[in-house]
Amino acid sequence: MKTSIRIVALGDSLTVGYMSPVTGLEWPPHQPYTRFLEEMIRDAIAKMRKDVKVEIINKGLDGDLTESMLSRFDRDVLQLKPSHVIILGGANDLGWGIPVAEIYRNLEKMYDKAIRHGIRLIACAVPSILGYDSLIPPRVRLNRMIRSYCEWKGGKYVDLFSATADVATQRLSPDCSNDGLHLNAEGYRKVAETIFKEAFIQLTNFDSGSSEEPNKS
């Protein structure tokens, strides 16, 4: 019987894969992390099973806020009936000075909806920033709240902050970004690698008793 893994990635420009140009160069094409992630999952599963369909639907929107993500959650996530949802949001809210508690409430409502509808939740930490140190502490607070939710109610917490930050300064690593906010191709690949290792690596073991069974269709 054919099995399938349908993943929806919900977010802002960090999900779209937006990149700023390097000085003197034209605007580069988007490099969504979902492109890299889909390749990683397919390559890993192909070694184990040939009867699995993998599909990642990118529902990123440039400049999006968590309030807007919440308002389109039913249309862009629930109606697509995914097996998994990856939620990465909050960077723009923080840039606009929206309180951390308000951002978290929007994320929590999305997390709750996913769990209530039997969708496996992957809740991502907001990556750090470079050049605006005052915006790092609210990121740390928000990410702690996201982690606590996953520990309390379930879901996979993926620490994209640590994966893309300089350990000593907590600032976004210049190796991962051209502008200090958006990621570059290497940064988006790092995001994909981190999500794969922390949330999807177990899919390669589903034929040997893993609880992460793909949907059957």
C-alpha atoms as a PDB file:
ATOM      1  CA  MET A   1       0.000   0.000   0.000  1.00  0.00           C
ATOM      2  CA  LYS A   2       1.278   3.435  -0.911  1.00  0.00           C
ATOM      3  CA  THR A   3       2.339   5.556   2.066  1.00  0.00           C
ATOM      4  CA  SER A   4       2.814   9.313   2.063  1.00  0.00           C
ATOM      5  CA  ILE A   5       4.387  12.066   4.110  1.00  0.00           C
ATOM      6  CA  ARG A   6       2.848  15.480   3.486  1.00  0.00           C
ATOM      7  CA  ILE A   7       4.551  18.349   5.298  1.00  0.00           C
ATOM      8  CA  VAL A   8       3.359  21.955   5.350  1.00  0.00           C
ATOM      9  CA  ALA A   9       5.935  24.639   6.192  1.00  0.00           C
ATOM     10  CA  LEU A  10       4.231  27.758   7.547  1.00  0.00           C
ATOM     11  CA  GLY A  11       6.131  30.980   8.079  1.00  0.00           C
ATOM     12  CA  ASP A  12       7.490  34.268   6.808  1.00  0.00           C
ATOM     13  CA  SER A  13      10.442  35.181   4.571  1.00  0.00           C
ATOM     14  CA  LEU A  14      12.639  32.683   6.414  1.00  0.00           C
ATOM     15  CA  THR A  15      10.342  29.984   5.054  1.00  0.00           C
ATOM     16  CA  VAL A  16      10.099  31.612   1.620  1.00  0.00           C
ATOM     17  CA  GLY A  17      13.893  31.484   1.431  1.00  0.00           C
ATOM     18  CA  TYR A  18      14.422  35.196   0.844  1.00  0.00           C
ATOM     19  CA  MET A  19      18.053  36.298   0.454  1.00  0.00           C
ATOM     20  CA  SER A  20      19.568  39.767   0.277  1.00  0.00           C
ATOM     21  CA  PRO A  21      22.099  40.397  -2.493  1.00  0.00           C
ATOM     22  CA  VAL A  22      25.823  40.499  -1.907  1.00  0.00           C
ATOM     23  CA  THR A  23      27.227  43.973  -2.723  1.00  0.00           C
ATOM     24  CA  GLY A  24      27.338  44.540  -6.462  1.00  0.00           C
ATOM     25  CA  LEU A  25      25.336  41.458  -7.369  1.00  0.00           C
ATOM     26  CA  GLU A  26      21.773  41.071  -8.568  1.00  0.00           C
ATOM     27  CA  TRP A  27      19.024  39.869  -6.245  1.00  0.00           C
ATOM     28  CA  PRO A  28      19.586  36.131  -5.805  1.00  0.00           C
ATOM     29  CA  PRO A  29      16.781  33.595  -6.312  1.00  0.00           C
ATOM     30  CA  HIS A  30      15.009  32.315  -3.222  1.00  0.00           C
ATOM     31  CA  GLN A  31      16.550  29.316  -1.495  1.00  0.00           C
ATOM     32  CA  PRO A  32      13.776  27.875   0.704  1.00  0.00           C
ATOM     33  CA  TYR A  33      14.965  25.440   3.326  1.00  0.00           C
ATOM     34  CA  THR A  34      12.076  23.188   2.306  1.00  0.00           C
ATOM     35  CA  ARG A  35      13.838  22.399  -0.968  1.00  0.00           C
ATOM     36  CA  PHE A  36      16.871  21.060   0.878  1.00  0.00           C
ATOM     37  CA  LEU A  37      14.749  19.318   3.505  1.00  0.00           C
ATOM     38  CA  GLU A  38      12.640  17.482   0.935  1.00  0.00           C
ATOM     39  CA  GLU A  39      15.802  16.170  -0.740  1.00  0.00           C
ATOM     40  CA  MET A  40      17.191  14.992   2.599  1.00  0.00           C
ATOM     41  CA  ILE A  41      14.011  13.154   3.584  1.00  0.00           C
ATOM     42  CA  ARG A  42      13.603  11.539   0.160  1.00  0.00           C
ATOM     43  CA  ASP A  43      17.243  10.440   0.034  1.00  0.00           C
ATOM     44  CA  ALA A  44      17.078   8.953   3.530  1.00  0.00           C
ATOM     45  CA  ILE A  45      13.793   7.118   3.017  1.00  0.00           C
ATOM     46  CA  ALA A  46      14.741   5.872  -0.456  1.00  0.00           C
ATOM     47  CA  LYS A  47      17.472   3.797   1.162  1.00  0.00           C
ATOM     48  CA  MET A  48      14.841   1.984   3.231  1.00  0.00           C
ATOM     49  CA  ARG A  49      11.604   2.002   1.229  1.00  0.00           C
ATOM     50  CA  LYS A  50      10.550   2.655  -2.366  1.00  0.00           C
ATOM     51  CA  ASP A  51       6.799   2.977  -1.763  1.00  0.00           C
ATOM     52  CA  VAL A  52       6.781   6.291   0.104  1.00  0.00           C
ATOM     53  CA  LYS A  53       5.695   9.615  -1.362  1.00  0.00           C
ATOM     54  CA  VAL A  54       7.243  12.730   0.217  1.00  0.00           C
ATOM     55  CA  GLU A  55       5.683  16.154  -0.344  1.00  0.00           C
ATOM     56  CA  ILE A  56       6.575  19.464   1.299  1.00  0.00           C
ATOM     57  CA  ILE A  57       4.243  22.399   0.678  1.00  0.00           C
ATOM     58  CA  ASN A  58       5.838  25.777   1.334  1.00  0.00           C
ATOM     59  CA  LYS A  59       3.390  28.297   2.805  1.00  0.00           C
ATOM     60  CA  GLY A  60       5.855  31.039   3.605  1.00  0.00           C
ATOM     61  CA  LEU A  61       4.871  34.662   3.041  1.00  0.00           C
ATOM     62  CA  ASP A  62       7.347  37.553   2.964  1.00  0.00           C
ATOM     63  CA  GLY A  63       6.865  39.991   5.835  1.00  0.00           C
ATOM     64  CA  ASP A  64       4.235  37.859   7.564  1.00  0.00           C
ATOM     65  CA  LEU A  65       3.377  38.296  11.237  1.00  0.00           C
ATOM     66  CA  THR A  66       2.216  35.534  13.553  1.00  0.00           C
ATOM     67  CA  GLU A  67      -1.263  37.083  13.708  1.00  0.00           C
ATOM     68  CA  SER A  68      -1.570  36.660   9.943  1.00  0.00           C
ATOM     69  CA  MET A  69      -0.116  33.160  10.101  1.00  0.00           C
ATOM     70  CA  LEU A  70      -2.796  32.264  12.620  1.00  0.00           C
ATOM     71  CA  SER A  71      -5.558  33.762  10.473  1.00  0.00           C
ATOM     72  CA  ARG A  72      -4.548  31.647   7.475  1.00  0.00           C
ATOM     73  CA  PHE A  73      -3.769  28.479   9.420  1.00  0.00           C
ATOM     74  CA  ASP A  74      -7.033  26.735   8.572  1.00  0.00           C
ATOM     75  CA  ARG A  75      -6.688  27.436   4.849  1.00  0.00           C
ATOM     76  CA  ASP A  76      -2.947  26.923   4.464  1.00  0.00           C
ATOM     77  CA  VAL A  77      -2.519  24.011   6.869  1.00  0.00           C
ATOM     78  CA  LEU A  78      -5.683  22.233   7.993  1.00  0.00           C
ATOM     79  CA  GLN A  79      -7.334  22.131   4.571  1.00  0.00           C
ATOM     80  CA  LEU A  80      -4.231  20.468   3.125  1.00  0.00           C
ATOM     81  CA  LYS A  81      -4.454  17.620   5.673  1.00  0.00           C
ATOM     82  CA  PRO A  82      -0.714  17.246   6.258  1.00  0.00           C
ATOM     83  CA  SER A  83       0.924  14.606   8.402  1.00  0.00           C
ATOM     84  CA  HIS A  84       3.344  17.239   9.769  1.00  0.00           C
ATOM     85  CA  VAL A  85       3.482  21.021  10.059  1.00  0.00           C
ATOM     86  CA  ILE A  86       6.637  23.086  10.537  1.00  0.00           C
ATOM     87  CA  ILE A  87       5.920  26.465  12.128  1.00  0.00           C
ATOM     88  CA  LEU A  88       8.584  29.174  12.036  1.00  0.00           C
ATOM     89  CA  GLY A  89       7.368  32.666  12.871  1.00  0.00           C
ATOM     90  CA  GLY A  90       7.967  35.672  15.095  1.00  0.00           C
ATOM     91  CA  ALA A  91      10.995  37.405  13.573  1.00  0.00           C
ATOM     92  CA  ASN A  92       8.922  40.145  11.942  1.00  0.00           C
ATOM     93  CA  ASP A  93       6.782  40.590  15.058  1.00  0.00           C
ATOM     94  CA  LEU A  94       9.917  41.180  17.107  1.00  0.00           C
ATOM     95  CA  GLY A  95      11.183  43.667  14.548  1.00  0.00           C
ATOM     96  CA  TRP A  96       7.932  45.638  14.905  1.00  0.00           C
ATOM     97  CA  GLY A  97       8.219  45.644  18.683  1.00  0.00           C
ATOM     98  CA  ILE A  98       5.251  43.352  19.317  1.00  0.00           C
ATOM     99  CA  PRO A  99       5.430  41.972  22.881  1.00  0.00           C
ATOM    100  CA  VAL A 100       6.831  38.472  23.255  1.00  0.00           C
ATOM    101  CA  ALA A 101       3.742  37.323  25.159  1.00  0.00           C
ATOM    102  CA  GLU A 102       1.488  38.353  22.270  1.00  0.00           C
ATOM    103  CA  ILE A 103       3.691  36.614  19.713  1.00  0.00           C
ATOM    104  CA  TYR A 104       3.689  33.464  21.793  1.00  0.00           C
ATOM    105  CA  ARG A 105      -0.107  33.488  22.148  1.00  0.00           C
ATOM    106  CA  ASN A 106      -0.442  33.453  18.364  1.00  0.00           C
ATOM    107  CA  LEU A 107       2.062  30.618  18.046  1.00  0.00           C
ATOM    108  CA  GLU A 108       0.414  28.670  20.867  1.00  0.00           C
ATOM    109  CA  LYS A 109      -2.972  28.838  19.138  1.00  0.00           C
ATOM    110  CA  MET A 110      -1.412  27.415  15.975  1.00  0.00           C
ATOM    111  CA  TYR A 111       0.365  24.692  17.935  1.00  0.00           C
ATOM    112  CA  ASP A 112      -2.873  23.751  19.703  1.00  0.00           C
ATOM    113  CA  LYS A 113      -4.769  23.545  16.401  1.00  0.00           C
ATOM    114  CA  ALA A 114      -2.167  21.262  14.899  1.00  0.00           C
ATOM    115  CA  ILE A 115      -2.206  18.894  17.859  1.00  0.00           C
ATOM    116  CA  ARG A 116      -6.018  18.842  18.074  1.00  0.00           C
ATOM    117  CA  HIS A 117      -6.192  17.798  14.418  1.00  0.00           C
ATOM    118  CA  GLY A 118      -3.637  15.020  14.795  1.00  0.00           C
ATOM    119  CA  ILE A 119      -0.900  16.828  12.863  1.00  0.00           C
ATOM    120  CA  ARG A 120       2.637  16.227  14.080  1.00  0.00           C
ATOM    121  CA  LEU A 121       3.997  19.572  15.244  1.00  0.00           C
ATOM    122  CA  ILE A 122       7.500  20.847  14.537  1.00  0.00           C
ATOM    123  CA  ALA A 123       7.890  24.156  16.382  1.00  0.00           C
ATOM    124  CA  CYS A 124      10.990  26.093  15.368  1.00  0.00           C
ATOM    125  CA  ALA A 125      12.966  28.586  17.402  1.00  0.00           C
ATOM    126  CA  VAL A 126      13.426  32.013  15.831  1.00  0.00           C
ATOM    127  CA  PRO A 127      17.026  32.414  14.598  1.00  0.00           C
ATOM    128  CA  SER A 128      19.203  35.139  16.064  1.00  0.00           C
ATOM    129  CA  ILE A 129      20.046  38.481  14.446  1.00  0.00           C
ATOM    130  CA  LEU A 130      23.287  40.311  13.643  1.00  0.00           C
ATOM    131  CA  GLY A 131      23.662  44.056  14.102  1.00  0.00           C
ATOM    132  CA  TYR A 132      20.731  44.583  16.480  1.00  0.00           C
ATOM    133  CA  ASP A 133      21.796  43.160  19.828  1.00  0.00           C
ATOM    134  CA  SER A 134      18.721  44.586  21.567  1.00  0.00           C
ATOM    135  CA  LEU A 135      16.568  42.149  19.573  1.00  0.00           C
ATOM    136  CA  ILE A 136      18.437  39.065  20.797  1.00  0.00           C
ATOM    137  CA  PRO A 137      17.023  38.848  24.374  1.00  0.00           C
ATOM    138  CA  PRO A 138      13.373  38.808  23.220  1.00  0.00           C
ATOM    139  CA  ARG A 139      14.257  36.026  20.798  1.00  0.00           C
ATOM    140  CA  VAL A 140      15.764  34.041  23.643  1.00  0.00           C
ATOM    141  CA  ARG A 141      12.637  34.563  25.780  1.00  0.00           C
ATOM    142  CA  LEU A 142      10.298  33.571  22.951  1.00  0.00           C
ATOM    143  CA  ASN A 143      12.321  30.484  22.131  1.00  0.00           C
ATOM    144  CA  ARG A 144      12.241  29.375  25.773  1.00  0.00           C
ATOM    145  CA  MET A 145       8.458  29.628  25.709  1.00  0.00           C
ATOM    146  CA  ILE A 146       8.297  27.585  22.493  1.00  0.00           C
ATOM    147  CA  ARG A 147      10.559  24.938  24.005  1.00  0.00           C
ATOM    148  CA  SER A 148       8.436  24.797  27.166  1.00  0.00           C
ATOM    149  CA  TYR A 149       5.276  24.303  25.104  1.00  0.00           C
ATOM    150  CA  CYS A 150       6.781  21.307  23.313  1.00  0.00           C
ATOM    151  CA  GLU A 151       7.986  19.802  26.592  1.00  0.00           C
ATOM    152  CA  TRP A 152       4.559  20.270  28.170  1.00  0.00           C
ATOM    153  CA  LYS A 153       2.070  19.518  25.376  1.00  0.00           C
ATOM    154  CA  GLY A 154       4.134  17.602  22.858  1.00  0.00           C
ATOM    155  CA  GLY A 155       5.693  18.420  19.537  1.00  0.00           C
ATOM    156  CA  LYS A 156       9.249  18.596  18.303  1.00  0.00           C
ATOM    157  CA  TYR A 157      11.205  21.695  19.280  1.00  0.00           C
ATOM    158  CA  VAL A 158      13.881  22.549  16.711  1.00  0.00           C
ATOM    159  CA  ASP A 159      16.547  24.939  17.963  1.00  0.00           C
ATOM    160  CA  LEU A 160      17.337  26.994  14.870  1.00  0.00           C
ATOM    161  CA  PHE A 161      18.719  29.758  17.098  1.00  0.00           C
ATOM    162  CA  SER A 162      21.650  27.671  18.319  1.00  0.00           C
ATOM    163  CA  ALA A 163      22.145  26.045  14.926  1.00  0.00           C
ATOM    164  CA  THR A 164      22.743  29.377  13.153  1.00  0.00           C
ATOM    165  CA  ALA A 165      24.239  31.545  15.927  1.00  0.00           C
ATOM    166  CA  ASP A 166      27.759  32.272  17.064  1.00  0.00           C
ATOM    167  CA  VAL A 167      28.117  30.409  20.349  1.00  0.00           C
ATOM    168  CA  ALA A 168      30.150  33.100  22.122  1.00  0.00           C
ATOM    169  CA  THR A 169      27.999  36.136  21.224  1.00  0.00           C
ATOM    170  CA  GLN A 170      24.566  34.579  20.500  1.00  0.00           C
ATOM    171  CA  ARG A 171      24.505  36.733  17.363  1.00  0.00           C
ATOM    172  CA  LEU A 172      23.482  35.286  14.006  1.00  0.00           C
ATOM    173  CA  SER A 173      26.591  33.828  12.411  1.00  0.00           C
ATOM    174  CA  PRO A 174      27.874  35.885   9.460  1.00  0.00           C
ATOM    175  CA  ASP A 175      28.473  32.572   7.697  1.00  0.00           C
ATOM    176  CA  CYS A 176      24.682  32.075   7.600  1.00  0.00           C
ATOM    177  CA  SER A 177      23.526  35.529   6.496  1.00  0.00           C
ATOM    178  CA  ASN A 178      24.250  38.360   4.061  1.00  0.00           C
ATOM    179  CA  ASP A 179      22.235  41.042   5.862  1.00  0.00           C
ATOM    180  CA  GLY A 180      22.114  40.013   9.515  1.00  0.00           C
ATOM    181  CA  LEU A 181      18.430  39.040   9.430  1.00  0.00           C
ATOM    182  CA  HIS A 182      17.669  36.805   6.449  1.00  0.00           C
ATOM    183  CA  LEU A 183      19.718  33.723   5.792  1.00  0.00           C
ATOM    184  CA  ASN A 184      21.921  32.931   2.832  1.00  0.00           C
ATOM    185  CA  ALA A 185      21.963  29.627   0.972  1.00  0.00           C
ATOM    186  CA  GLU A 186      24.302  28.100   3.545  1.00  0.00           C
ATOM    187  CA  GLY A 187      22.035  29.311   6.337  1.00  0.00           C
ATOM    188  CA  TYR A 188      18.918  27.808   4.775  1.00  0.00           C
ATOM    189  CA  ARG A 189      20.729  24.543   4.231  1.00  0.00           C
ATOM    190  CA  LYS A 190      21.724  24.579   7.905  1.00  0.00           C
ATOM    191  CA  VAL A 191      18.054  25.128   8.811  1.00  0.00           C
ATOM    192  CA  ALA A 192      17.068  22.123   6.696  1.00  0.00           C
ATOM    193  CA  GLU A 193      19.790  19.942   8.209  1.00  0.00           C
ATOM    194  CA  THR A 194      18.750  20.899  11.737  1.00  0.00           C
ATOM    195  CA  ILE A 195      15.052  20.253  11.137  1.00  0.00           C
ATOM    196  CA  PHE A 196      15.867  16.931   9.487  1.00  0.00           C
ATOM    197  CA  LYS A 197      18.114  15.755  12.321  1.00  0.00           C
ATOM    198  CA  GLU A 198      15.862  16.935  15.150  1.00  0.00           C
ATOM    199  CA  ALA A 199      12.431  16.149  13.695  1.00  0.00           C
ATOM    200  CA  PHE A 200      12.582  13.772  10.742  1.00  0.00           C
ATOM    201  CA  ILE A 201      15.558  11.437  11.100  1.00  0.00           C
ATOM    202  CA  GLN A 202      13.280   8.871  12.804  1.00  0.00           C
ATOM    203  CA  LEU A 203      11.226   8.564   9.619  1.00  0.00           C
ATOM    204  CA  THR A 204      14.012   6.464   8.182  1.00  0.00           C
ATOM    205  CA  ASN A 205      13.260   3.848  10.828  1.00  0.00           C
ATOM    206  CA  PHE A 206       9.492   3.531  10.428  1.00  0.00           C
ATOM    207  CA  ASP A 207       9.775   0.085   8.901  1.00  0.00           C
ATOM    208  CA  SER A 208      11.335  -1.272  12.072  1.00  0.00           C
ATOM    209  CA  GLY A 209       8.709  -0.294  14.598  1.00  0.00           C
ATOM    210  CA  SER A 210       9.044   3.508  14.801  1.00  0.00           C
ATOM    211  CA  SER A 211       5.968   5.408  15.999  1.00  0.00           C
ATOM    212  CA  GLU A 212       6.474   7.911  13.165  1.00  0.00           C
ATOM    213  CA  GLU A 213       4.435   5.994  10.615  1.00  0.00           C
ATOM    214  CA  PRO A 214       3.677   7.910   7.418  1.00  0.00           C
ATOM    215  CA  ASN A 215       0.051   8.330   6.410  1.00  0.00           C
ATOM    216  CA  LYS A 216      -1.395   5.488   4.364  1.00  0.00           C
ATOM    217  CA  SER A 217      -3.314   6.396   1.252  1.00  0.00           C
END
